[in-house]
């Protein structure tokens, strides 16, 4: 199966995909954190909607994005089980009910990725 390229339609989507691609294995980021970092505070739902449109075979680490409570938002049979498995394979402890400790696993990007830098 050929991998369809992701074609961002706006500069802000380019920022989102670039930032998401920067989240290292073994770390997670919240929808709201991504929104804040690309300069769209309070737009966590928008981030979720954009990520929902990613092609199934994307290489972007969508599985490293969780909700503000550190939980997997996807229902188990609609990607949640896959997300849990991918995170566990990266060494992230995921509880049976889909919780991840943000204190232990949250990604803290260096300054170059913040909206206060030249990234935005």
PDB file of N, CA and C in Angstrom:
ATOM      1  N   UNK A   1       0.835  -1.178   0.000  1.00  0.00           N
ATOM      2  CA  UNK A   1       0.000   0.000   0.000  1.00  0.00           C
ATOM      3  C   UNK A   1       0.880   1.242   0.000  1.00  0.00           C
ATOM      4  N   UNK A   2       0.632   2.119  -0.907  1.00  0.00           N
ATOM      5  CA  UNK A   2       1.384   3.371  -0.984  1.00  0.00           C
ATOM      6  C   UNK A   2       0.932   4.312   0.121  1.00  0.00           C
ATOM      7  N   UNK A   3       1.868   5.042   0.649  1.00  0.00           N
ATOM      8  CA  UNK A   3       1.555   6.016   1.694  1.00  0.00           C
ATOM      9  C   UNK A   3       1.173   7.330   1.027  1.00  0.00           C
ATOM     10  N   UNK A   4      -0.038   7.790   1.326  1.00  0.00           N
ATOM     11  CA  UNK A   4      -0.489   9.084   0.803  1.00  0.00           C
ATOM     12  C   UNK A   4       0.199  10.202   1.567  1.00  0.00           C
ATOM     13  N   UNK A   5       0.713  11.169   0.863  1.00  0.00           N
ATOM     14  CA  UNK A   5       1.350  12.281   1.570  1.00  0.00           C
ATOM     15  C   UNK A   5       0.297  13.145   2.260  1.00  0.00           C
ATOM     16  N   UNK A   6       0.697  13.742   3.355  1.00  0.00           N
ATOM     17  CA  UNK A   6      -0.162  14.700   4.044  1.00  0.00           C
ATOM     18  C   UNK A   6       0.070  16.040   3.375  1.00  0.00           C
ATOM     19  N   UNK A   7      -0.983  16.657   2.941  1.00  0.00           N
ATOM     20  CA  UNK A   7      -0.856  17.953   2.293  1.00  0.00           C
ATOM     21  C   UNK A   7      -1.565  18.991   3.158  1.00  0.00           C
ATOM     22  N   UNK A   8      -0.786  19.682   4.005  1.00  0.00           N
ATOM     23  CA  UNK A   8      -1.411  20.708   4.832  1.00  0.00           C
ATOM     24  C   UNK A   8      -1.978  21.818   3.957  1.00  0.00           C
ATOM     25  N   UNK A   9      -3.133  22.303   4.335  1.00  0.00           N
ATOM     26  CA  UNK A   9      -3.766  23.336   3.515  1.00  0.00           C
ATOM     27  C   UNK A   9      -3.517  24.750   4.036  1.00  0.00           C
ATOM     28  N   UNK A  10      -2.961  24.864   5.230  1.00  0.00           N
ATOM     29  CA  UNK A  10      -2.699  26.193   5.796  1.00  0.00           C
ATOM     30  C   UNK A  10      -1.340  26.205   6.496  1.00  0.00           C
ATOM     31  N   UNK A  11      -0.770  27.392   6.670  1.00  0.00           N
ATOM     32  CA  UNK A  11       0.501  27.486   7.407  1.00  0.00           C
ATOM     33  C   UNK A  11       0.388  26.955   8.838  1.00  0.00           C
ATOM     34  N   UNK A  12      -0.760  27.130   9.466  1.00  0.00           N
ATOM     35  CA  UNK A  12      -0.912  26.662  10.844  1.00  0.00           C
ATOM     36  C   UNK A  12      -0.916  25.129  10.900  1.00  0.00           C
ATOM     37  N   UNK A  13      -1.461  24.480   9.873  1.00  0.00           N
ATOM     38  CA  UNK A  13      -1.392  23.018   9.814  1.00  0.00           C
ATOM     39  C   UNK A  13       0.047  22.560   9.618  1.00  0.00           C
ATOM     40  N   UNK A  14       0.811  23.297   8.839  1.00  0.00           N
ATOM     41  CA  UNK A  14       2.231  22.965   8.674  1.00  0.00           C
ATOM     42  C   UNK A  14       2.927  23.030  10.027  1.00  0.00           C
ATOM     43  N   UNK A  15       2.638  24.079  10.802  1.00  0.00           N
ATOM     44  CA  UNK A  15       3.216  24.200  12.147  1.00  0.00           C
ATOM     45  C   UNK A  15       2.818  23.021  13.019  1.00  0.00           C
ATOM     46  N   UNK A  16       1.534  22.667  12.981  1.00  0.00           N
ATOM     47  CA  UNK A  16       1.045  21.560  13.798  1.00  0.00           C
ATOM     48  C   UNK A  16       1.761  20.272  13.447  1.00  0.00           C
ATOM     49  N   UNK A  17       1.824  19.940  12.169  1.00  0.00           N
ATOM     50  CA  UNK A  17       2.468  18.690  11.746  1.00  0.00           C
ATOM     51  C   UNK A  17       3.957  18.690  12.059  1.00  0.00           C
ATOM     52  N   UNK A  18       4.605  19.835  11.895  1.00  0.00           N
ATOM     53  CA  UNK A  18       6.030  19.936  12.202  1.00  0.00           C
ATOM     54  C   UNK A  18       6.272  19.712  13.682  1.00  0.00           C
ATOM     55  N   UNK A  19       5.461  20.336  14.508  1.00  0.00           N
ATOM     56  CA  UNK A  19       5.605  20.171  15.949  1.00  0.00           C
ATOM     57  C   UNK A  19       5.304  18.740  16.369  1.00  0.00           C
ATOM     58  N   UNK A  20       4.237  18.175  15.851  1.00  0.00           N
ATOM     59  CA  UNK A  20       3.887  16.794  16.193  1.00  0.00           C
ATOM     60  C   UNK A  20       5.016  15.844  15.811  1.00  0.00           C
ATOM     61  N   UNK A  21       5.625  16.061  14.669  1.00  0.00           N
ATOM     62  CA  UNK A  21       6.729  15.212  14.229  1.00  0.00           C
ATOM     63  C   UNK A  21       7.933  15.308  15.169  1.00  0.00           C
ATOM     64  N   UNK A  22       7.997  16.378  15.961  1.00  0.00           N
ATOM     65  CA  UNK A  22       9.108  16.601  16.875  1.00  0.00           C
ATOM     66  C   UNK A  22       8.936  15.926  18.228  1.00  0.00           C
ATOM     67  N   UNK A  23       7.749  15.441  18.524  1.00  0.00           N
ATOM     68  CA  UNK A  23       7.503  14.803  19.832  1.00  0.00           C
ATOM     69  C   UNK A  23       8.262  13.478  19.843  1.00  0.00           C
ATOM     70  N   UNK A  24       9.208  13.328  20.774  1.00  0.00           N
ATOM     71  CA  UNK A  24      10.032  12.122  20.772  1.00  0.00           C
ATOM     72  C   UNK A  24       9.297  10.878  21.281  1.00  0.00           C
ATOM     73  N   UNK A  25       9.781   9.738  20.861  1.00  0.00           N
ATOM     74  CA  UNK A  25       9.253   8.466  21.349  1.00  0.00           C
ATOM     75  C   UNK A  25       9.370   8.430  22.865  1.00  0.00           C
ATOM     76  N   UNK A  26       8.358   7.869  23.515  1.00  0.00           N
ATOM     77  CA  UNK A  26       8.369   7.769  24.964  1.00  0.00           C
ATOM     78  C   UNK A  26       7.839   9.001  25.675  1.00  0.00           C
ATOM     79  N   UNK A  27       7.355   9.977  24.917  1.00  0.00           N
ATOM     80  CA  UNK A  27       6.781  11.195  25.477  1.00  0.00           C
ATOM     81  C   UNK A  27       5.395  11.416  24.897  1.00  0.00           C
ATOM     82  N   UNK A  28       4.574  12.167  25.618  1.00  0.00           N
ATOM     83  CA  UNK A  28       3.243  12.521  25.134  1.00  0.00           C
ATOM     84  C   UNK A  28       3.061  14.024  25.235  1.00  0.00           C
ATOM     85  N   UNK A  29       2.089  14.507  24.503  1.00  0.00           N
ATOM     86  CA  UNK A  29       1.740  15.915  24.491  1.00  0.00           C
ATOM     87  C   UNK A  29       0.214  15.982  24.479  1.00  0.00           C
ATOM     88  N   UNK A  30      -0.359  17.020  25.037  1.00  0.00           N
ATOM     89  CA  UNK A  30      -1.820  17.129  25.028  1.00  0.00           C
ATOM     90  C   UNK A  30      -2.268  17.931  23.806  1.00  0.00           C
ATOM     91  N   UNK A  31      -3.534  17.762  23.456  1.00  0.00           N
ATOM     92  CA  UNK A  31      -4.111  18.532  22.354  1.00  0.00           C
ATOM     93  C   UNK A  31      -3.954  20.034  22.621  1.00  0.00           C
ATOM     94  N   UNK A  32      -4.250  20.436  23.847  1.00  0.00           N
ATOM     95  CA  UNK A  32      -4.151  21.843  24.212  1.00  0.00           C
ATOM     96  C   UNK A  32      -2.721  22.352  24.204  1.00  0.00           C
ATOM     97  N   UNK A  33      -1.792  21.525  24.612  1.00  0.00           N
ATOM     98  CA  UNK A  33      -0.389  21.897  24.595  1.00  0.00           C
ATOM     99  C   UNK A  33       0.070  22.152  23.155  1.00  0.00           C
ATOM    100  N   UNK A  34      -0.318  21.267  22.241  1.00  0.00           N
ATOM    101  CA  UNK A  34       0.022  21.482  20.831  1.00  0.00           C
ATOM    102  C   UNK A  34      -0.574  22.799  20.334  1.00  0.00           C
ATOM    103  N   UNK A  35      -1.836  23.031  20.663  1.00  0.00           N
ATOM    104  CA  UNK A  35      -2.489  24.275  20.232  1.00  0.00           C
ATOM    105  C   UNK A  35      -1.750  25.494  20.764  1.00  0.00           C
ATOM    106  N   UNK A  36      -1.409  25.469  22.044  1.00  0.00           N
ATOM    107  CA  UNK A  36      -0.679  26.595  22.641  1.00  0.00           C
ATOM    108  C   UNK A  36       0.659  26.813  21.950  1.00  0.00           C
ATOM    109  N   UNK A  37       1.375  25.727  21.693  1.00  0.00           N
ATOM    110  CA  UNK A  37       2.712  25.830  21.121  1.00  0.00           C
ATOM    111  C   UNK A  37       2.722  26.351  19.685  1.00  0.00           C
ATOM    112  N   UNK A  38       1.627  26.161  18.965  1.00  0.00           N
ATOM    113  CA  UNK A  38       1.578  26.693  17.599  1.00  0.00           C
ATOM    114  C   UNK A  38       0.900  28.059  17.553  1.00  0.00           C
ATOM    115  N   UNK A  39       0.582  28.591  18.725  1.00  0.00           N
ATOM    116  CA  UNK A  39       0.026  29.942  18.791  1.00  0.00           C
ATOM    117  C   UNK A  39      -1.480  30.012  18.714  1.00  0.00           C
ATOM    118  N   UNK A  40      -2.167  28.917  19.020  1.00  0.00           N
ATOM    119  CA  UNK A  40      -3.632  28.892  19.022  1.00  0.00           C
ATOM    120  C   UNK A  40      -4.154  28.452  20.390  1.00  0.00           C
ATOM    121  N   UNK A  41      -3.966  29.273  21.412  1.00  0.00           N
ATOM    122  CA  UNK A  41      -4.449  28.874  22.737  1.00  0.00           C
ATOM    123  C   UNK A  41      -5.958  28.609  22.724  1.00  0.00           C
ATOM    124  N   UNK A  42      -6.362  27.682  23.551  1.00  0.00           N
ATOM    125  CA  UNK A  42      -7.771  27.298  23.689  1.00  0.00           C
ATOM    126  C   UNK A  42      -8.355  26.657  22.430  1.00  0.00           C
ATOM    127  N   UNK A  43      -7.523  26.066  21.612  1.00  0.00           N
ATOM    128  CA  UNK A  43      -8.001  25.432  20.376  1.00  0.00           C
ATOM    129  C   UNK A  43      -7.683  23.939  20.360  1.00  0.00           C
ATOM    130  N   UNK A  44      -7.725  23.295  21.517  1.00  0.00           N
ATOM    131  CA  UNK A  44      -7.437  21.865  21.609  1.00  0.00           C
ATOM    132  C   UNK A  44      -8.366  21.046  20.715  1.00  0.00           C
ATOM    133  N   UNK A  45      -9.624  21.416  20.666  1.00  0.00           N
ATOM    134  CA  UNK A  45     -10.575  20.662  19.829  1.00  0.00           C
ATOM    135  C   UNK A  45     -10.221  20.769  18.350  1.00  0.00           C
ATOM    136  N   UNK A  46      -9.746  21.936  17.943  1.00  0.00           N
ATOM    137  CA  UNK A  46      -9.329  22.095  16.548  1.00  0.00           C
ATOM    138  C   UNK A  46      -8.181  21.136  16.239  1.00  0.00           C
ATOM    139  N   UNK A  47      -7.211  21.047  17.158  1.00  0.00           N
ATOM    140  CA  UNK A  47      -6.091  20.119  16.969  1.00  0.00           C
ATOM    141  C   UNK A  47      -6.628  18.702  16.803  1.00  0.00           C
ATOM    142  N   UNK A  48      -7.552  18.305  17.661  1.00  0.00           N
ATOM    143  CA  UNK A  48      -8.140  16.967  17.561  1.00  0.00           C
ATOM    144  C   UNK A  48      -8.815  16.734  16.225  1.00  0.00           C
ATOM    145  N   UNK A  49      -9.531  17.724  15.730  1.00  0.00           N
ATOM    146  CA  UNK A  49     -10.221  17.577  14.449  1.00  0.00           C
ATOM    147  C   UNK A  49      -9.232  17.441  13.290  1.00  0.00           C
ATOM    148  N   UNK A  50      -8.160  18.204  13.334  1.00  0.00           N
ATOM    149  CA  UNK A  50      -7.149  18.108  12.275  1.00  0.00           C
ATOM    150  C   UNK A  50      -6.475  16.738  12.318  1.00  0.00           C
ATOM    151  N   UNK A  51      -6.117  16.287  13.503  1.00  0.00           N
ATOM    152  CA  UNK A  51      -5.447  14.987  13.620  1.00  0.00           C
ATOM    153  C   UNK A  51      -6.368  13.839  13.212  1.00  0.00           C
ATOM    154  N   UNK A  52      -7.641  14.016  13.437  1.00  0.00           N
ATOM    155  CA  UNK A  52      -8.623  13.000  13.053  1.00  0.00           C
ATOM    156  C   UNK A  52      -8.629  12.765  11.538  1.00  0.00           C
ATOM    157  N   UNK A  53      -8.222  13.770  10.782  1.00  0.00           N
ATOM    158  CA  UNK A  53      -8.226  13.680   9.322  1.00  0.00           C
ATOM    159  C   UNK A  53      -6.946  13.061   8.751  1.00  0.00           C
ATOM    160  N   UNK A  54      -5.977  12.747   9.608  1.00  0.00           N
ATOM    161  CA  UNK A  54      -4.749  12.142   9.105  1.00  0.00           C
ATOM    162  C   UNK A  54      -5.049  10.803   8.443  1.00  0.00           C
ATOM    163  N   UNK A  55      -4.344  10.489   7.372  1.00  0.00           N
ATOM    164  CA  UNK A  55      -4.547   9.184   6.748  1.00  0.00           C
ATOM    165  C   UNK A  55      -4.145   8.062   7.710  1.00  0.00           C
ATOM    166  N   UNK A  56      -4.801   6.957   7.614  1.00  0.00           N
ATOM    167  CA  UNK A  56      -4.565   5.819   8.502  1.00  0.00           C
ATOM    168  C   UNK A  56      -3.087   5.416   8.538  1.00  0.00           C
ATOM    169  N   UNK A  57      -2.427   5.501   7.405  1.00  0.00           N
ATOM    170  CA  UNK A  57      -1.037   5.044   7.311  1.00  0.00           C
ATOM    171  C   UNK A  57      -0.007   6.152   7.567  1.00  0.00           C
ATOM    172  N   UNK A  58      -0.412   7.266   8.163  1.00  0.00           N
ATOM    173  CA  UNK A  58       0.507   8.369   8.414  1.00  0.00           C
ATOM    174  C   UNK A  58       1.704   7.932   9.252  1.00  0.00           C
ATOM    175  N   UNK A  59       2.810   8.591   9.013  1.00  0.00           N
ATOM    176  CA  UNK A  59       4.010   8.354   9.817  1.00  0.00           C
ATOM    177  C   UNK A  59       4.114   9.347  10.970  1.00  0.00           C
ATOM    178  N   UNK A  60       3.227  10.336  11.001  1.00  0.00           N
ATOM    179  CA  UNK A  60       3.229  11.269  12.123  1.00  0.00           C
ATOM    180  C   UNK A  60       2.844  10.532  13.400  1.00  0.00           C
ATOM    181  N   UNK A  61       3.477  10.862  14.529  1.00  0.00           N
ATOM    182  CA  UNK A  61       3.203  10.156  15.781  1.00  0.00           C
ATOM    183  C   UNK A  61       1.923  10.628  16.482  1.00  0.00           C
ATOM    184  N   UNK A  62       0.793  10.466  15.828  1.00  0.00           N
ATOM    185  CA  UNK A  62      -0.509  10.870  16.366  1.00  0.00           C
ATOM    186  C   UNK A  62      -0.785  10.215  17.716  1.00  0.00           C
ATOM    187  N   UNK A  63      -0.223   9.036  17.910  1.00  0.00           N
ATOM    188  CA  UNK A  63      -0.482   8.269  19.138  1.00  0.00           C
ATOM    189  C   UNK A  63       0.131   8.911  20.377  1.00  0.00           C
ATOM    190  N   UNK A  64       0.988   9.894  20.196  1.00  0.00           N
ATOM    191  CA  UNK A  64       1.618  10.576  21.332  1.00  0.00           C
ATOM    192  C   UNK A  64       0.797  11.753  21.846  1.00  0.00           C
ATOM    193  N   UNK A  65      -0.410  11.924  21.325  1.00  0.00           N
ATOM    194  CA  UNK A  65      -1.278  13.031  21.731  1.00  0.00           C
ATOM    195  C   UNK A  65      -2.408  12.485  22.603  1.00  0.00           C
ATOM    196  N   UNK A  66      -2.554  13.080  23.791  1.00  0.00           N
ATOM    197  CA  UNK A  66      -3.576  12.656  24.748  1.00  0.00           C
ATOM    198  C   UNK A  66      -4.358  13.873  25.222  1.00  0.00           C
ATOM    199  N   UNK A  67      -5.419  13.628  25.977  1.00  0.00           N
ATOM    200  CA  UNK A  67      -6.208  14.766  26.451  1.00  0.00           C
ATOM    201  C   UNK A  67      -5.560  15.414  27.683  1.00  0.00           C
ATOM    202  N   UNK A  68      -6.150  16.479  28.144  1.00  0.00           N
ATOM    203  CA  UNK A  68      -5.577  17.278  29.235  1.00  0.00           C
ATOM    204  C   UNK A  68      -5.483  16.520  30.558  1.00  0.00           C
ATOM    205  N   UNK A  69      -6.254  15.453  30.703  1.00  0.00           N
ATOM    206  CA  UNK A  69      -6.195  14.635  31.909  1.00  0.00           C
ATOM    207  C   UNK A  69      -5.182  13.498  31.776  1.00  0.00           C
ATOM    208  N   UNK A  70      -4.492  13.447  30.645  1.00  0.00           N
ATOM    209  CA  UNK A  70      -3.515  12.382  30.431  1.00  0.00           C
ATOM    210  C   UNK A  70      -4.164  11.079  30.025  1.00  0.00           C
ATOM    211  N   UNK A  71      -5.318  11.161  29.395  1.00  0.00           N
ATOM    212  CA  UNK A  71      -6.041   9.959  28.974  1.00  0.00           C
ATOM    213  C   UNK A  71      -6.120   9.873  27.463  1.00  0.00           C
ATOM    214  N   UNK A  72      -6.214   8.662  26.993  1.00  0.00           N
ATOM    215  CA  UNK A  72      -6.451   8.422  25.576  1.00  0.00           C
ATOM    216  C   UNK A  72      -7.910   8.742  25.314  1.00  0.00           C
ATOM    217  N   UNK A  73      -8.149   9.606  24.339  1.00  0.00           N
ATOM    218  CA  UNK A  73      -9.514  10.049  24.046  1.00  0.00           C
ATOM    219  C   UNK A  73     -10.261   9.126  23.099  1.00  0.00           C
ATOM    220  N   UNK A  74      -9.535   8.386  22.298  1.00  0.00           N
ATOM    221  CA  UNK A  74     -10.182   7.521  21.306  1.00  0.00           C
ATOM    222  C   UNK A  74     -10.828   6.313  21.968  1.00  0.00           C
ATOM    223  N   UNK A  75     -12.009   5.910  21.509  1.00  0.00           N
ATOM    224  CA  UNK A  75     -12.607   4.675  22.005  1.00  0.00           C
ATOM    225  C   UNK A  75     -11.692   3.493  21.662  1.00  0.00           C
ATOM    226  N   UNK A  76     -11.685   2.458  22.490  1.00  0.00           N
ATOM    227  CA  UNK A  76     -10.773   1.328  22.270  1.00  0.00           C
ATOM    228  C   UNK A  76     -10.807   0.753  20.857  1.00  0.00           C
ATOM    229  N   UNK A  77     -11.973   0.545  20.302  1.00  0.00           N
ATOM    230  CA  UNK A  77     -12.070  -0.093  18.995  1.00  0.00           C
ATOM    231  C   UNK A  77     -11.926   0.890  17.829  1.00  0.00           C
ATOM    232  N   UNK A  78     -11.761   2.164  18.133  1.00  0.00           N
ATOM    233  CA  UNK A  78     -11.618   3.184  17.082  1.00  0.00           C
ATOM    234  C   UNK A  78     -10.239   3.843  17.138  1.00  0.00           C
ATOM    235  N   UNK A  79      -9.255   3.099  17.568  1.00  0.00           N
ATOM    236  CA  UNK A  79      -7.886   3.591  17.602  1.00  0.00           C
ATOM    237  C   UNK A  79      -7.281   3.648  18.989  1.00  0.00           C
ATOM    238  N   UNK A  80      -8.102   3.609  20.036  1.00  0.00           N
ATOM    239  CA  UNK A  80      -7.590   3.690  21.399  1.00  0.00           C
ATOM    240  C   UNK A  80      -6.685   2.524  21.770  1.00  0.00           C
ATOM    241  N   UNK A  81      -7.060   1.309  21.364  1.00  0.00           N
ATOM    242  CA  UNK A  81      -6.207   0.150  21.650  1.00  0.00           C
ATOM    243  C   UNK A  81      -4.881   0.260  20.911  1.00  0.00           C
ATOM    244  N   UNK A  82      -4.940   0.685  19.657  1.00  0.00           N
ATOM    245  CA  UNK A  82      -3.725   0.868  18.862  1.00  0.00           C
ATOM    246  C   UNK A  82      -2.834   1.930  19.499  1.00  0.00           C
ATOM    247  N   UNK A  83      -3.438   3.018  19.952  1.00  0.00           N
ATOM    248  CA  UNK A  83      -2.673   4.088  20.599  1.00  0.00           C
ATOM    249  C   UNK A  83      -1.987   3.570  21.865  1.00  0.00           C
ATOM    250  N   UNK A  84      -2.715   2.835  22.682  1.00  0.00           N
ATOM    251  CA  UNK A  84      -2.143   2.272  23.911  1.00  0.00           C
ATOM    252  C   UNK A  84      -0.965   1.361  23.591  1.00  0.00           C
ATOM    253  N   UNK A  85      -1.153   0.510  22.612  1.00  0.00           N
ATOM    254  CA  UNK A  85      -0.096  -0.439  22.236  1.00  0.00           C
ATOM    255  C   UNK A  85       1.145   0.295  21.728  1.00  0.00           C
ATOM    256  N   UNK A  86       0.944   1.293  20.888  1.00  0.00           N
ATOM    257  CA  UNK A  86       2.087   2.059  20.356  1.00  0.00           C
ATOM    258  C   UNK A  86       2.841   2.767  21.476  1.00  0.00           C
ATOM    259  N   UNK A  87       2.099   3.370  22.409  1.00  0.00           N
ATOM    260  CA  UNK A  87       2.752   4.055  23.527  1.00  0.00           C
ATOM    261  C   UNK A  87       3.497   3.063  24.413  1.00  0.00           C
ATOM    262  N   UNK A  88       2.891   1.939  24.709  1.00  0.00           N
ATOM    263  CA  UNK A  88       3.569   0.916  25.525  1.00  0.00           C
ATOM    264  C   UNK A  88       4.844   0.434  24.845  1.00  0.00           C
ATOM    265  N   UNK A  89       4.804   0.286  23.518  1.00  0.00           N
ATOM    266  CA  UNK A  89       5.998  -0.139  22.780  1.00  0.00           C
ATOM    267  C   UNK A  89       7.123   0.885  22.859  1.00  0.00           C
ATOM    268  N   UNK A  90       6.779   2.128  23.176  1.00  0.00           N
ATOM    269  CA  UNK A  90       7.777   3.186  23.344  1.00  0.00           C
ATOM    270  C   UNK A  90       8.203   3.349  24.813  1.00  0.00           C
ATOM    271  N   UNK A  91       7.684   2.488  25.687  1.00  0.00           N
ATOM    272  CA  UNK A  91       8.063   2.534  27.085  1.00  0.00           C
ATOM    273  C   UNK A  91       7.181   3.384  27.971  1.00  0.00           C
ATOM    274  N   UNK A  92       6.046   3.847  27.449  1.00  0.00           N
ATOM    275  CA  UNK A  92       5.121   4.655  28.232  1.00  0.00           C
ATOM    276  C   UNK A  92       4.184   3.723  28.992  1.00  0.00           C
ATOM    277  N   UNK A  93       4.034   3.956  30.287  1.00  0.00           N
ATOM    278  CA  UNK A  93       3.103   3.172  31.097  1.00  0.00           C
ATOM    279  C   UNK A  93       1.692   3.692  30.855  1.00  0.00           C
ATOM    280  N   UNK A  94       0.849   2.830  30.312  1.00  0.00           N
ATOM    281  CA  UNK A  94      -0.550   3.162  30.057  1.00  0.00           C
ATOM    282  C   UNK A  94      -1.389   2.219  30.902  1.00  0.00           C
ATOM    283  N   UNK A  95      -2.264   2.779  31.730  1.00  0.00           N
ATOM    284  CA  UNK A  95      -3.120   1.930  32.553  1.00  0.00           C
ATOM    285  C   UNK A  95      -4.181   1.260  31.690  1.00  0.00           C
ATOM    286  N   UNK A  96      -4.851   0.273  32.249  1.00  0.00           N
ATOM    287  CA  UNK A  96      -5.894  -0.443  31.503  1.00  0.00           C
ATOM    288  C   UNK A  96      -7.021   0.476  31.047  1.00  0.00           C
ATOM    289  N   UNK A  97      -7.249   1.570  31.793  1.00  0.00           N
ATOM    290  CA  UNK A  97      -8.316   2.492  31.387  1.00  0.00           C
ATOM    291  C   UNK A  97      -7.777   3.671  30.561  1.00  0.00           C
ATOM    292  N   UNK A  98      -6.551   3.545  30.035  1.00  0.00           N
ATOM    293  CA  UNK A  98      -6.023   4.529  29.097  1.00  0.00           C
ATOM    294  C   UNK A  98      -5.418   5.776  29.702  1.00  0.00           C
ATOM    295  N   UNK A  99      -4.939   5.690  30.931  1.00  0.00           N
ATOM    296  CA  UNK A  99      -4.321   6.864  31.571  1.00  0.00           C
ATOM    297  C   UNK A  99      -2.799   6.812  31.444  1.00  0.00           C
ATOM    298  N   UNK A 100      -2.243   8.002  31.262  1.00  0.00           N
ATOM    299  CA  UNK A 100      -0.795   8.176  31.185  1.00  0.00           C
ATOM    300  C   UNK A 100      -0.436   9.288  32.162  1.00  0.00           C
ATOM    301  N   UNK A 101       0.644   9.114  32.908  1.00  0.00           N
ATOM    302  CA  UNK A 101       1.078  10.148  33.838  1.00  0.00           C
ATOM    303  C   UNK A 101       1.728  11.295  33.060  1.00  0.00           C
ATOM    304  N   UNK A 102       1.064  12.443  33.049  1.00  0.00           N
ATOM    305  CA  UNK A 102       1.659  13.608  32.396  1.00  0.00           C
ATOM    306  C   UNK A 102       2.888  14.081  33.158  1.00  0.00           C
ATOM    307  N   UNK A 103       2.893  13.873  34.456  1.00  0.00           N
ATOM    308  CA  UNK A 103       4.050  14.260  35.265  1.00  0.00           C
ATOM    309  C   UNK A 103       5.304  13.506  34.814  1.00  0.00           C
ATOM    310  N   UNK A 104       5.130  12.247  34.448  1.00  0.00           N
ATOM    311  CA  UNK A 104       6.279  11.430  34.034  1.00  0.00           C
ATOM    312  C   UNK A 104       6.591  11.501  32.540  1.00  0.00           C
ATOM    313  N   UNK A 105       5.564  11.621  31.706  1.00  0.00           N
ATOM    314  CA  UNK A 105       5.762  11.432  30.269  1.00  0.00           C
ATOM    315  C   UNK A 105       5.492  12.657  29.392  1.00  0.00           C
ATOM    316  N   UNK A 106       5.032  13.749  29.982  1.00  0.00           N
ATOM    317  CA  UNK A 106       4.736  14.934  29.155  1.00  0.00           C
ATOM    318  C   UNK A 106       6.021  15.461  28.521  1.00  0.00           C
ATOM    319  N   UNK A 107       5.915  15.785  27.243  1.00  0.00           N
ATOM    320  CA  UNK A 107       7.031  16.371  26.512  1.00  0.00           C
ATOM    321  C   UNK A 107       7.128  17.847  26.840  1.00  0.00           C
ATOM    322  N   UNK A 108       8.332  18.276  27.144  1.00  0.00           N
ATOM    323  CA  UNK A 108       8.611  19.689  27.385  1.00  0.00           C
ATOM    324  C   UNK A 108       9.598  20.115  26.302  1.00  0.00           C
ATOM    325  N   UNK A 109       9.080  20.703  25.217  1.00  0.00           N
ATOM    326  CA  UNK A 109       9.972  21.078  24.110  1.00  0.00           C
ATOM    327  C   UNK A 109      10.927  22.179  24.520  1.00  0.00           C
ATOM    328  N   UNK A 110      12.052  22.225  23.830  1.00  0.00           N
ATOM    329  CA  UNK A 110      12.961  23.320  24.117  1.00  0.00           C
ATOM    330  C   UNK A 110      12.418  24.605  23.494  1.00  0.00           C
ATOM    331  N   UNK A 111      13.051  25.679  23.774  1.00  0.00           N
ATOM    332  CA  UNK A 111      12.541  27.007  23.428  1.00  0.00           C
ATOM    333  C   UNK A 111      12.233  27.184  21.950  1.00  0.00           C
ATOM    334  N   UNK A 112      12.975  26.528  21.080  1.00  0.00           N
ATOM    335  CA  UNK A 112      12.793  26.774  19.646  1.00  0.00           C
ATOM    336  C   UNK A 112      11.418  26.381  19.141  1.00  0.00           C
ATOM    337  N   UNK A 113      10.674  25.593  19.909  1.00  0.00           N
ATOM    338  CA  UNK A 113       9.350  25.177  19.461  1.00  0.00           C
ATOM    339  C   UNK A 113       8.214  26.001  20.037  1.00  0.00           C
ATOM    340  N   UNK A 114       8.508  26.933  20.893  1.00  0.00           N
ATOM    341  CA  UNK A 114       7.415  27.684  21.521  1.00  0.00           C
ATOM    342  C   UNK A 114       6.939  28.808  20.624  1.00  0.00           C
ATOM    343  N   UNK A 115       5.720  29.234  20.863  1.00  0.00           N
ATOM    344  CA  UNK A 115       5.150  30.309  20.046  1.00  0.00           C
ATOM    345  C   UNK A 115       5.873  31.629  20.236  1.00  0.00           C
ATOM    346  N   UNK A 116       6.700  31.715  21.290  1.00  0.00           N
ATOM    347  CA  UNK A 116       7.437  32.953  21.549  1.00  0.00           C
ATOM    348  C   UNK A 116       8.751  33.008  20.787  1.00  0.00           C
ATOM    349  N   UNK A 117       9.054  31.973  20.040  1.00  0.00           N
ATOM    350  CA  UNK A 117      10.303  31.938  19.296  1.00  0.00           C
ATOM    351  C   UNK A 117      10.047  32.163  17.819  1.00  0.00           C
ATOM    352  N   UNK A 118      11.050  31.941  17.037  1.00  0.00           N
ATOM    353  CA  UNK A 118      10.912  32.129  15.595  1.00  0.00           C
ATOM    354  C   UNK A 118      10.093  31.027  14.946  1.00  0.00           C
ATOM    355  N   UNK A 119       9.714  30.014  15.701  1.00  0.00           N
ATOM    356  CA  UNK A 119       8.899  28.913  15.150  1.00  0.00           C
ATOM    357  C   UNK A 119       7.575  29.438  14.629  1.00  0.00           C
ATOM    358  N   UNK A 120       7.006  30.431  15.297  1.00  0.00           N
ATOM    359  CA  UNK A 120       5.696  30.909  14.882  1.00  0.00           C
ATOM    360  C   UNK A 120       5.726  32.103  14.010  1.00  0.00           C
TER     361      UNK A 120
END
